[in-house]
PDB file of N, CA and C in Angstrom:
ATOM      1  N   MET A   1     203.978 205.350 200.126  1.00  0.00           N
ATOM      2  CA  MET A   1     202.923 205.897 199.283  1.00  0.00           C
ATOM      3  C   MET A   1     201.770 206.320 200.189  1.00  0.00           C
ATOM      4  N   PRO A   2     201.227 207.470 199.977  1.00  0.00           N
ATOM      5  CA  PRO A   2     200.082 207.908 200.795  1.00  0.00           C
ATOM      6  C   PRO A   2     198.813 207.120 200.458  1.00  0.00           C
ATOM      7  N   LEU A   3     197.808 207.294 201.285  1.00  0.00           N
ATOM      8  CA  LEU A   3     196.506 206.684 201.053  1.00  0.00           C
ATOM      9  C   LEU A   3     195.901 207.249 199.780  1.00  0.00           C
ATOM     10  N   ILE A   4     195.408 206.366 198.919  1.00  0.00           N
ATOM     11  CA  ILE A   4     194.827 206.790 197.634  1.00  0.00           C
ATOM     12  C   ILE A   4     193.394 206.282 197.584  1.00  0.00           C
ATOM     13  N   ASP A   5     192.465 207.187 197.345  1.00  0.00           N
ATOM     14  CA  ASP A   5     191.051 206.813 197.203  1.00  0.00           C
ATOM     15  C   ASP A   5     190.719 206.773 195.707  1.00  0.00           C
ATOM     16  N   PHE A   6     190.860 205.611 195.087  1.00  0.00           N
ATOM     17  CA  PHE A   6     190.674 205.459 193.655  1.00  0.00           C
ATOM     18  C   PHE A   6     189.294 205.884 193.190  1.00  0.00           C
ATOM     19  N   LYS A   7     188.275 205.496 193.938  1.00  0.00           N
ATOM     20  CA  LYS A   7     186.900 205.808 193.525  1.00  0.00           C
ATOM     21  C   LYS A   7     186.666 207.330 193.498  1.00  0.00           C
ATOM     22  N   SER A   8     187.150 208.033 194.502  1.00  0.00           N
ATOM     23  CA  SER A   8     186.984 209.491 194.540  1.00  0.00           C
ATOM     24  C   SER A   8     187.740 210.151 193.404  1.00  0.00           C
ATOM     25  N   LEU A   9     188.973 209.705 193.158  1.00  0.00           N
ATOM     26  CA  LEU A   9     189.773 210.266 192.063  1.00  0.00           C
ATOM     27  C   LEU A   9     189.083 210.059 190.725  1.00  0.00           C
ATOM     28  N   ALA A  10     188.538 208.856 190.510  1.00  0.00           N
ATOM     29  CA  ALA A  10     187.840 208.570 189.250  1.00  0.00           C
ATOM     30  C   ALA A  10     186.592 209.407 189.117  1.00  0.00           C
ATOM     31  N   ALA A  11     185.838 209.564 190.200  1.00  0.00           N
ATOM     32  CA  ALA A  11     184.599 210.340 190.169  1.00  0.00           C
ATOM     33  C   ALA A  11     184.845 211.810 189.883  1.00  0.00           C
ATOM     34  N   GLU A  12     186.007 212.313 190.276  1.00  0.00           N
ATOM     35  CA  GLU A  12     186.340 213.731 190.039  1.00  0.00           C
ATOM     36  C   GLU A  12     186.742 214.010 188.582  1.00  0.00           C
ATOM     37  N   LYS A  13     187.031 212.967 187.833  1.00  0.00           N
ATOM     38  CA  LYS A  13     187.494 213.162 186.453  1.00  0.00           C
ATOM     39  C   LYS A  13     186.326 213.649 185.593  1.00  0.00           C
ATOM     40  N   THR A  14     186.557 214.715 184.861  1.00  0.00           N
ATOM     41  CA  THR A  14     185.523 215.252 183.980  1.00  0.00           C
ATOM     42  C   THR A  14     185.488 214.501 182.660  1.00  0.00           C
ATOM     43  N   GLN A  15     186.589 213.876 182.279  1.00  0.00           N
ATOM     44  CA  GLN A  15     186.661 213.145 181.014  1.00  0.00           C
ATOM     45  C   GLN A  15     186.865 211.659 181.285  1.00  0.00           C
ATOM     46  N   ALA A  16     185.940 210.869 180.781  1.00  0.00           N
ATOM     47  CA  ALA A  16     186.047 209.415 180.926  1.00  0.00           C
ATOM     48  C   ALA A  16     187.190 208.911 180.033  1.00  0.00           C
ATOM     49  N   TRP A  17     187.712 207.769 180.389  1.00  0.00           N
ATOM     50  CA  TRP A  17     188.746 207.057 179.628  1.00  0.00           C
ATOM     51  C   TRP A  17     190.060 207.835 179.536  1.00  0.00           C
ATOM     52  N   LYS A  18     190.243 208.831 180.386  1.00  0.00           N
ATOM     53  CA  LYS A  18     191.523 209.557 180.458  1.00  0.00           C
ATOM     54  C   LYS A  18     192.138 209.223 181.808  1.00  0.00           C
ATOM     55  N   SER A  19     193.168 208.371 181.763  1.00  0.00           N
ATOM     56  CA  SER A  19     193.784 207.934 183.008  1.00  0.00           C
ATOM     57  C   SER A  19     194.783 208.958 183.530  1.00  0.00           C
ATOM     58  N   SER A  20     195.039 208.884 184.813  1.00  0.00           N
ATOM     59  CA  SER A  20     196.090 209.692 185.413  1.00  0.00           C
ATOM     60  C   SER A  20     196.902 208.794 186.347  1.00  0.00           C
ATOM     61  N   ILE A  21     198.182 209.049 186.380  1.00  0.00           N
ATOM     62  CA  ILE A  21     199.065 208.273 187.247  1.00  0.00           C
ATOM     63  C   ILE A  21     198.865 208.750 188.673  1.00  0.00           C
ATOM     64  N   VAL A  22     198.577 207.808 189.578  1.00  0.00           N
ATOM     65  CA  VAL A  22     198.386 208.157 190.991  1.00  0.00           C
ATOM     66  C   VAL A  22     199.554 207.688 191.841  1.00  0.00           C
ATOM     67  N   GLY A  23     200.437 206.880 191.263  1.00  0.00           N
ATOM     68  CA  GLY A  23     201.603 206.408 191.993  1.00  0.00           C
ATOM     69  C   GLY A  23     202.493 205.550 191.121  1.00  0.00           C
ATOM     70  N   THR A  24     203.704 205.370 191.575  1.00  0.00           N
ATOM     71  CA  THR A  24     204.652 204.496 190.890  1.00  0.00           C
ATOM     72  C   THR A  24     205.360 203.640 191.921  1.00  0.00           C
ATOM     73  N   VAL A  25     205.671 202.429 191.517  1.00  0.00           N
ATOM     74  CA  VAL A  25     206.475 201.532 192.334  1.00  0.00           C
ATOM     75  C   VAL A  25     207.548 200.981 191.395  1.00  0.00           C
ATOM     76  N   ASP A  26     208.794 201.365 191.656  1.00  0.00           N
ATOM     77  CA  ASP A  26     209.887 201.052 190.722  1.00  0.00           C
ATOM     78  C   ASP A  26     209.505 201.607 189.362  1.00  0.00           C
ATOM     79  N   SER A  27     209.414 200.760 188.344  1.00  0.00           N
ATOM     80  CA  SER A  27     209.043 201.227 187.001  1.00  0.00           C
ATOM     81  C   SER A  27     207.571 200.978 186.670  1.00  0.00           C
ATOM     82  N   THR A  28     206.774 200.608 187.676  1.00  0.00           N
ATOM     83  CA  THR A  28     205.368 200.299 187.481  1.00  0.00           C
ATOM     84  C   THR A  28     204.512 201.541 187.750  1.00  0.00           C
ATOM     85  N   ASN A  29     203.692 201.914 186.754  1.00  0.00           N
ATOM     86  CA  ASN A  29     202.745 203.013 186.922  1.00  0.00           C
ATOM     87  C   ASN A  29     201.410 202.467 187.399  1.00  0.00           C
ATOM     88  N   ILE A  30     200.800 203.151 188.344  1.00  0.00           N
ATOM     89  CA  ILE A  30     199.465 202.815 188.835  1.00  0.00           C
ATOM     90  C   ILE A  30     198.572 203.997 188.450  1.00  0.00           C
ATOM     91  N   LYS A  31     197.532 203.694 187.652  1.00  0.00           N
ATOM     92  CA  LYS A  31     196.663 204.742 187.113  1.00  0.00           C
ATOM     93  C   LYS A  31     195.215 204.454 187.443  1.00  0.00           C
ATOM     94  N   VAL A  32     194.371 205.473 187.351  1.00  0.00           N
ATOM     95  CA  VAL A  32     192.952 205.323 187.585  1.00  0.00           C
ATOM     96  C   VAL A  32     192.201 206.079 186.495  1.00  0.00           C
ATOM     97  N   LEU A  33     191.010 205.568 186.160  1.00  0.00           N
ATOM     98  CA  LEU A  33     190.137 206.268 185.226  1.00  0.00           C
ATOM     99  C   LEU A  33     188.695 205.921 185.479  1.00  0.00           C
ATOM    100  N   ARG A  34     187.825 206.710 184.879  1.00  0.00           N
ATOM    101  CA  ARG A  34     186.386 206.491 184.986  1.00  0.00           C
ATOM    102  C   ARG A  34     185.887 205.960 183.641  1.00  0.00           C
ATOM    103  N   MET A  35     185.167 204.856 183.694  1.00  0.00           N
ATOM    104  CA  MET A  35     184.568 204.281 182.484  1.00  0.00           C
ATOM    105  C   MET A  35     183.139 204.814 182.380  1.00  0.00           C
ATOM    106  N   ASP A  36     182.691 205.107 181.153  1.00  0.00           N
ATOM    107  CA  ASP A  36     181.382 205.734 180.969  1.00  0.00           C
ATOM    108  C   ASP A  36     180.467 205.033 179.957  1.00  0.00           C
ATOM    109  N   ALA A  37     180.641 203.759 179.753  1.00  0.00           N
ATOM    110  CA  ALA A  37     179.799 202.943 178.872  1.00  0.00           C
ATOM    111  C   ALA A  37     180.125 203.135 177.387  1.00  0.00           C
ATOM    112  N   GLN A  38     181.030 204.042 177.052  1.00  0.00           N
ATOM    113  CA  GLN A  38     181.434 204.206 175.662  1.00  0.00           C
ATOM    114  C   GLN A  38     182.565 203.238 175.345  1.00  0.00           C
ATOM    115  N   PRO A  39     182.680 202.826 174.084  1.00  0.00           N
ATOM    116  CA  PRO A  39     183.786 201.939 173.703  1.00  0.00           C
ATOM    117  C   PRO A  39     185.102 202.695 173.675  1.00  0.00           C
ATOM    118  N   TYR A  40     186.202 201.958 173.687  1.00  0.00           N
ATOM    119  CA  TYR A  40     187.534 202.531 173.574  1.00  0.00           C
ATOM    120  C   TYR A  40     188.291 201.684 172.569  1.00  0.00           C
ATOM    121  N   GLU A  41     188.925 202.351 171.632  1.00  0.00           N
ATOM    122  CA  GLU A  41     189.551 201.620 170.515  1.00  0.00           C
ATOM    123  C   GLU A  41     190.654 200.665 170.947  1.00  0.00           C
ATOM    124  N   GLU A  42     190.938 199.746 170.036  1.00  0.00           N
ATOM    125  CA  GLU A  42     191.937 198.723 170.292  1.00  0.00           C
ATOM    126  C   GLU A  42     193.311 199.313 170.554  1.00  0.00           C
ATOM    127  N   GLU A  43     194.008 198.695 171.512  1.00  0.00           N
ATOM    128  CA  GLU A  43     195.369 199.122 171.861  1.00  0.00           C
ATOM    129  C   GLU A  43     196.268 197.883 171.914  1.00  0.00           C
ATOM    130  N   ILE A  44     197.551 198.137 171.701  1.00  0.00           N
ATOM    131  CA  ILE A  44     198.589 197.119 171.897  1.00  0.00           C
ATOM    132  C   ILE A  44     199.734 197.840 172.612  1.00  0.00           C
ATOM    133  N   HIS A  45     200.206 197.247 173.709  1.00  0.00           N
ATOM    134  CA  HIS A  45     201.306 197.852 174.467  1.00  0.00           C
ATOM    135  C   HIS A  45     202.517 196.957 174.419  1.00  0.00           C
ATOM    136  N   ASP A  46     203.688 197.559 174.671  1.00  0.00           N
ATOM    137  CA  ASP A  46     204.921 196.773 174.758  1.00  0.00           C
ATOM    138  C   ASP A  46     205.246 196.416 176.208  1.00  0.00           C
ATOM    139  N   TYR A  47     204.253 196.468 177.056  1.00  0.00           N
ATOM    140  CA  TYR A  47     204.369 196.120 178.472  1.00  0.00           C
ATOM    141  C   TYR A  47     203.078 195.416 178.898  1.00  0.00           C
ATOM    142  N   ASN A  48     203.128 194.679 179.978  1.00  0.00           N
ATOM    143  CA  ASN A  48     201.921 194.060 180.540  1.00  0.00           C
ATOM    144  C   ASN A  48     201.053 195.130 181.173  1.00  0.00           C
ATOM    145  N   GLU A  49     199.739 194.963 181.071  1.00  0.00           N
ATOM    146  CA  GLU A  49     198.802 195.941 181.616  1.00  0.00           C
ATOM    147  C   GLU A  49     197.737 195.198 182.421  1.00  0.00           C
ATOM    148  N   GLY A  50     197.735 195.443 183.732  1.00  0.00           N
ATOM    149  CA  GLY A  50     196.698 194.880 184.578  1.00  0.00           C
ATOM    150  C   GLY A  50     195.507 195.807 184.616  1.00  0.00           C
ATOM    151  N   LEU A  51     194.329 195.300 184.361  1.00  0.00           N
ATOM    152  CA  LEU A  51     193.072 196.098 184.340  1.00  0.00           C
ATOM    153  C   LEU A  51     192.193 195.600 185.484  1.00  0.00           C
ATOM    154  N   LEU A  52     192.194 196.354 186.573  1.00  0.00           N
ATOM    155  CA  LEU A  52     191.512 195.975 187.811  1.00  0.00           C
ATOM    156  C   LEU A  52     190.237 196.807 187.967  1.00  0.00           C
ATOM    157  N   VAL A  53     189.091 196.128 188.009  1.00  0.00           N
ATOM    158  CA  VAL A  53     187.794 196.827 188.136  1.00  0.00           C
ATOM    159  C   VAL A  53     187.472 196.950 189.620  1.00  0.00           C
ATOM    160  N   LEU A  54     187.381 198.205 190.091  1.00  0.00           N
ATOM    161  CA  LEU A  54     187.018 198.454 191.500  1.00  0.00           C
ATOM    162  C   LEU A  54     185.513 198.461 191.704  1.00  0.00           C
ATOM    163  N   ASP A  55     184.792 198.988 190.726  1.00  0.00           N
ATOM    164  CA  ASP A  55     183.333 198.904 190.738  1.00  0.00           C
ATOM    165  C   ASP A  55     182.858 198.989 189.298  1.00  0.00           C
ATOM    166  N   GLY A  56     181.725 198.377 189.034  1.00  0.00           N
ATOM    167  CA  GLY A  56     181.200 198.351 187.684  1.00  0.00           C
ATOM    168  C   GLY A  56     181.625 197.092 186.952  1.00  0.00           C
ATOM    169  N   GLU A  57     181.861 197.253 185.640  1.00  0.00           N
ATOM    170  CA  GLU A  57     182.160 196.098 184.797  1.00  0.00           C
ATOM    171  C   GLU A  57     182.940 196.575 183.560  1.00  0.00           C
ATOM    172  N   LEU A  58     183.942 195.812 183.172  1.00  0.00           N
ATOM    173  CA  LEU A  58     184.747 196.095 181.985  1.00  0.00           C
ATOM    174  C   LEU A  58     184.521 194.979 180.980  1.00  0.00           C
ATOM    175  N   LEU A  59     184.103 195.364 179.784  1.00  0.00           N
ATOM    176  CA  LEU A  59     183.876 194.414 178.695  1.00  0.00           C
ATOM    177  C   LEU A  59     184.989 194.592 177.683  1.00  0.00           C
ATOM    178  N   LEU A  60     185.779 193.541 177.505  1.00  0.00           N
ATOM    179  CA  LEU A  60     186.936 193.597 176.618  1.00  0.00           C
ATOM    180  C   LEU A  60     186.756 192.667 175.430  1.00  0.00           C
ATOM    181  N   ARG A  61     187.303 193.112 174.293  1.00  0.00           N
ATOM    182  CA  ARG A  61     187.449 192.226 173.147  1.00  0.00           C
ATOM    183  C   ARG A  61     188.917 191.927 173.008  1.00  0.00           C
ATOM    184  N   VAL A  62     189.263 190.653 173.100  1.00  0.00           N
ATOM    185  CA  VAL A  62     190.651 190.209 172.933  1.00  0.00           C
ATOM    186  C   VAL A  62     190.611 189.155 171.831  1.00  0.00           C
ATOM    187  N   GLY A  63     191.069 189.519 170.647  1.00  0.00           N
ATOM    188  CA  GLY A  63     190.926 188.632 169.490  1.00  0.00           C
ATOM    189  C   GLY A  63     189.450 188.422 169.243  1.00  0.00           C
ATOM    190  N   PRO A  64     189.025 187.177 169.039  1.00  0.00           N
ATOM    191  CA  PRO A  64     187.599 186.911 168.790  1.00  0.00           C
ATOM    192  C   PRO A  64     186.791 186.763 170.084  1.00  0.00           C
ATOM    193  N   GLU A  65     187.452 186.840 171.216  1.00  0.00           N
ATOM    194  CA  GLU A  65     186.827 186.555 172.505  1.00  0.00           C
ATOM    195  C   GLU A  65     186.352 187.835 173.215  1.00  0.00           C
ATOM    196  N   THR A  66     185.191 187.761 173.856  1.00  0.00           N
ATOM    197  CA  THR A  66     184.709 188.819 174.723  1.00  0.00           C
ATOM    198  C   THR A  66     184.977 188.376 176.167  1.00  0.00           C
ATOM    199  N   ILE A  67     185.636 189.247 176.925  1.00  0.00           N
ATOM    200  CA  ILE A  67     185.972 188.955 178.302  1.00  0.00           C
ATOM    201  C   ILE A  67     185.266 189.958 179.194  1.00  0.00           C
ATOM    202  N   VAL A  68     184.540 189.482 180.186  1.00  0.00           N
ATOM    203  CA  VAL A  68     183.820 190.317 181.147  1.00  0.00           C
ATOM    204  C   VAL A  68     184.628 190.304 182.428  1.00  0.00           C
ATOM    205  N   VAL A  69     185.075 191.508 182.849  1.00  0.00           N
ATOM    206  CA  VAL A  69     185.829 191.687 184.080  1.00  0.00           C
ATOM    207  C   VAL A  69     184.911 192.396 185.067  1.00  0.00           C
ATOM    208  N   LYS A  70     184.563 191.703 186.143  1.00  0.00           N
ATOM    209  CA  LYS A  70     183.608 192.248 187.123  1.00  0.00           C
ATOM    210  C   LYS A  70     184.331 192.859 188.307  1.00  0.00           C
ATOM    211  N   THR A  71     183.576 193.546 189.153  1.00  0.00           N
ATOM    212  CA  THR A  71     184.109 194.180 190.354  1.00  0.00           C
ATOM    213  C   THR A  71     184.967 193.198 191.130  1.00  0.00           C
ATOM    214  N   GLY A  72     186.188 193.658 191.469  1.00  0.00           N
ATOM    215  CA  GLY A  72     187.093 192.826 192.228  1.00  0.00           C
ATOM    216  C   GLY A  72     187.953 191.901 191.380  1.00  0.00           C
ATOM    217  N   GLN A  73     187.748 191.922 190.069  1.00  0.00           N
ATOM    218  CA  GLN A  73     188.520 191.067 189.174  1.00  0.00           C
ATOM    219  C   GLN A  73     189.526 191.925 188.373  1.00  0.00           C
ATOM    220  N   MET A  74     190.604 191.233 187.896  1.00  0.00           N
ATOM    221  CA  MET A  74     191.598 191.913 187.077  1.00  0.00           C
ATOM    222  C   MET A  74     191.908 191.058 185.857  1.00  0.00           C
ATOM    223  N   TYR A  75     192.020 191.703 184.713  1.00  0.00           N
ATOM    224  CA  TYR A  75     192.486 191.043 183.499  1.00  0.00           C
ATOM    225  C   TYR A  75     193.895 191.523 183.239  1.00  0.00           C
ATOM    226  N   LEU A  76     194.794 190.589 182.917  1.00  0.00           N
ATOM    227  CA  LEU A  76     196.160 190.939 182.607  1.00  0.00           C
ATOM    228  C   LEU A  76     196.347 190.838 181.102  1.00  0.00           C
ATOM    229  N   ALA A  77     196.458 192.002 180.450  1.00  0.00           N
ATOM    230  CA  ALA A  77     196.746 192.037 179.012  1.00  0.00           C
ATOM    231  C   ALA A  77     198.255 191.978 178.853  1.00  0.00           C
ATOM    232  N   LEU A  78     198.718 190.852 178.373  1.00  0.00           N
ATOM    233  CA  LEU A  78     200.149 190.668 178.207  1.00  0.00           C
ATOM    234  C   LEU A  78     200.689 191.566 177.089  1.00  0.00           C
ATOM    235  N   ALA A  79     201.948 191.939 177.184  1.00  0.00           N
ATOM    236  CA  ALA A  79     202.586 192.779 176.180  1.00  0.00           C
ATOM    237  C   ALA A  79     202.335 192.164 174.804  1.00  0.00           C
ATOM    238  N   GLY A  80     201.965 193.028 173.840  1.00  0.00           N
ATOM    239  CA  GLY A  80     201.737 192.591 172.466  1.00  0.00           C
ATOM    240  C   GLY A  80     200.337 192.073 172.208  1.00  0.00           C
ATOM    241  N   THR A  81     199.462 192.038 173.225  1.00  0.00           N
ATOM    242  CA  THR A  81     198.085 191.541 173.081  1.00  0.00           C
ATOM    243  C   THR A  81     197.153 192.704 172.739  1.00  0.00           C
ATOM    244  N   ALA A  82     196.528 192.617 171.572  1.00  0.00           N
ATOM    245  CA  ALA A  82     195.546 193.657 171.176  1.00  0.00           C
ATOM    246  C   ALA A  82     194.278 193.466 172.021  1.00  0.00           C
ATOM    247  N   HIS A  83     193.774 194.583 172.554  1.00  0.00           N
ATOM    248  CA  HIS A  83     192.554 194.540 173.344  1.00  0.00           C
ATOM    249  C   HIS A  83     191.788 195.846 173.162  1.00  0.00           C
ATOM    250  N   ALA A  84     190.446 195.740 173.143  1.00  0.00           N
ATOM    251  CA  ALA A  84     189.592 196.907 172.965  1.00  0.00           C
ATOM    252  C   ALA A  84     188.459 196.838 173.997  1.00  0.00           C
ATOM    253  N   VAL A  85     187.976 197.999 174.402  1.00  0.00           N
ATOM    254  CA  VAL A  85     186.866 198.098 175.350  1.00  0.00           C
ATOM    255  C   VAL A  85     185.576 198.158 174.560  1.00  0.00           C
ATOM    256  N   LEU A  86     184.630 197.321 174.938  1.00  0.00           N
ATOM    257  CA  LEU A  86     183.328 197.284 174.278  1.00  0.00           C
ATOM    258  C   LEU A  86     182.338 198.227 174.956  1.00  0.00           C
ATOM    259  N   PRO A  87     181.297 198.635 174.219  1.00  0.00           N
ATOM    260  CA  PRO A  87     180.271 199.500 174.816  1.00  0.00           C
ATOM    261  C   PRO A  87     179.648 198.835 176.045  1.00  0.00           C
ATOM    262  N   GLY A  88     179.299 199.648 177.019  1.00  0.00           N
ATOM    263  CA  GLY A  88     178.670 199.149 178.236  1.00  0.00           C
ATOM    264  C   GLY A  88     179.591 199.077 179.437  1.00  0.00           C
ATOM    265  N   SER A  89     180.881 199.205 179.211  1.00  0.00           N
ATOM    266  CA  SER A  89     181.827 199.204 180.330  1.00  0.00           C
ATOM    267  C   SER A  89     181.593 200.452 181.179  1.00  0.00           C
ATOM    268  N   HIS A  90     181.550 200.279 182.497  1.00  0.00           N
ATOM    269  CA  HIS A  90     181.264 201.413 183.373  1.00  0.00           C
ATOM    270  C   HIS A  90     181.880 201.184 184.755  1.00  0.00           C
ATOM    271  N   GLY A  91     182.153 202.263 185.438  1.00  0.00           N
ATOM    272  CA  GLY A  91     182.658 202.186 186.804  1.00  0.00           C
ATOM    273  C   GLY A  91     184.076 202.732 186.920  1.00  0.00           C
ATOM    274  N   THR A  92     184.821 202.200 187.897  1.00  0.00           N
ATOM    275  CA  THR A  92     186.165 202.660 188.208  1.00  0.00           C
ATOM    276  C   THR A  92     187.160 201.590 187.812  1.00  0.00           C
ATOM    277  N   LEU A  93     188.180 202.018 187.059  1.00  0.00           N
ATOM    278  CA  LEU A  93     189.207 201.089 186.576  1.00  0.00           C
ATOM    279  C   LEU A  93     190.569 201.550 187.049  1.00  0.00           C
ATOM    280  N   VAL A  94     191.318 200.636 187.653  1.00  0.00           N
ATOM    281  CA  VAL A  94     192.717 200.890 188.018  1.00  0.00           C
ATOM    282  C   VAL A  94     193.572 200.133 186.979  1.00  0.00           C
ATOM    283  N   ILE A  95     194.554 200.834 186.436  1.00  0.00           N
ATOM    284  CA  ILE A  95     195.445 200.251 185.439  1.00  0.00           C
ATOM    285  C   ILE A  95     196.839 200.161 186.053  1.00  0.00           C
ATOM    286  N   ILE A  96     197.423 198.982 185.948  1.00  0.00           N
ATOM    287  CA  ILE A  96     198.753 198.760 186.487  1.00  0.00           C
ATOM    288  C   ILE A  96     199.666 198.405 185.329  1.00  0.00           C
ATOM    289  N   ASP A  97     200.556 199.313 184.939  1.00  0.00           N
ATOM    290  CA  ASP A  97     201.478 199.099 183.828  1.00  0.00           C
ATOM    291  C   ASP A  97     202.754 198.478 184.361  1.00  0.00           C
ATOM    292  N   VAL A  98     203.027 197.265 183.949  1.00  0.00           N
ATOM    293  CA  VAL A  98     204.190 196.549 184.449  1.00  0.00           C
ATOM    294  C   VAL A  98     205.232 196.404 183.331  1.00  0.00           C
TER     295      VAL A  98
END
């Protein structure tokens, strides 16, 4: 896999919260997106989703709980787990679909 500059790729995106696949390893997609402080509606996937914050902060609602994912941290949303992004999330997010 070539060198990938996630922060530059995210900064070039004109639309926030629209991910793009930057690489794959076996059946795992690696994606990047730009967060812009707007909320994102609840999702449920049939696969595990790693949410890795490269810079900024991701605020998640998982059930009744609010989870704060800071720079350098990753939240693993297990398959079947409903999760939503709360207002105020900002920065660069790498998504790893497993």
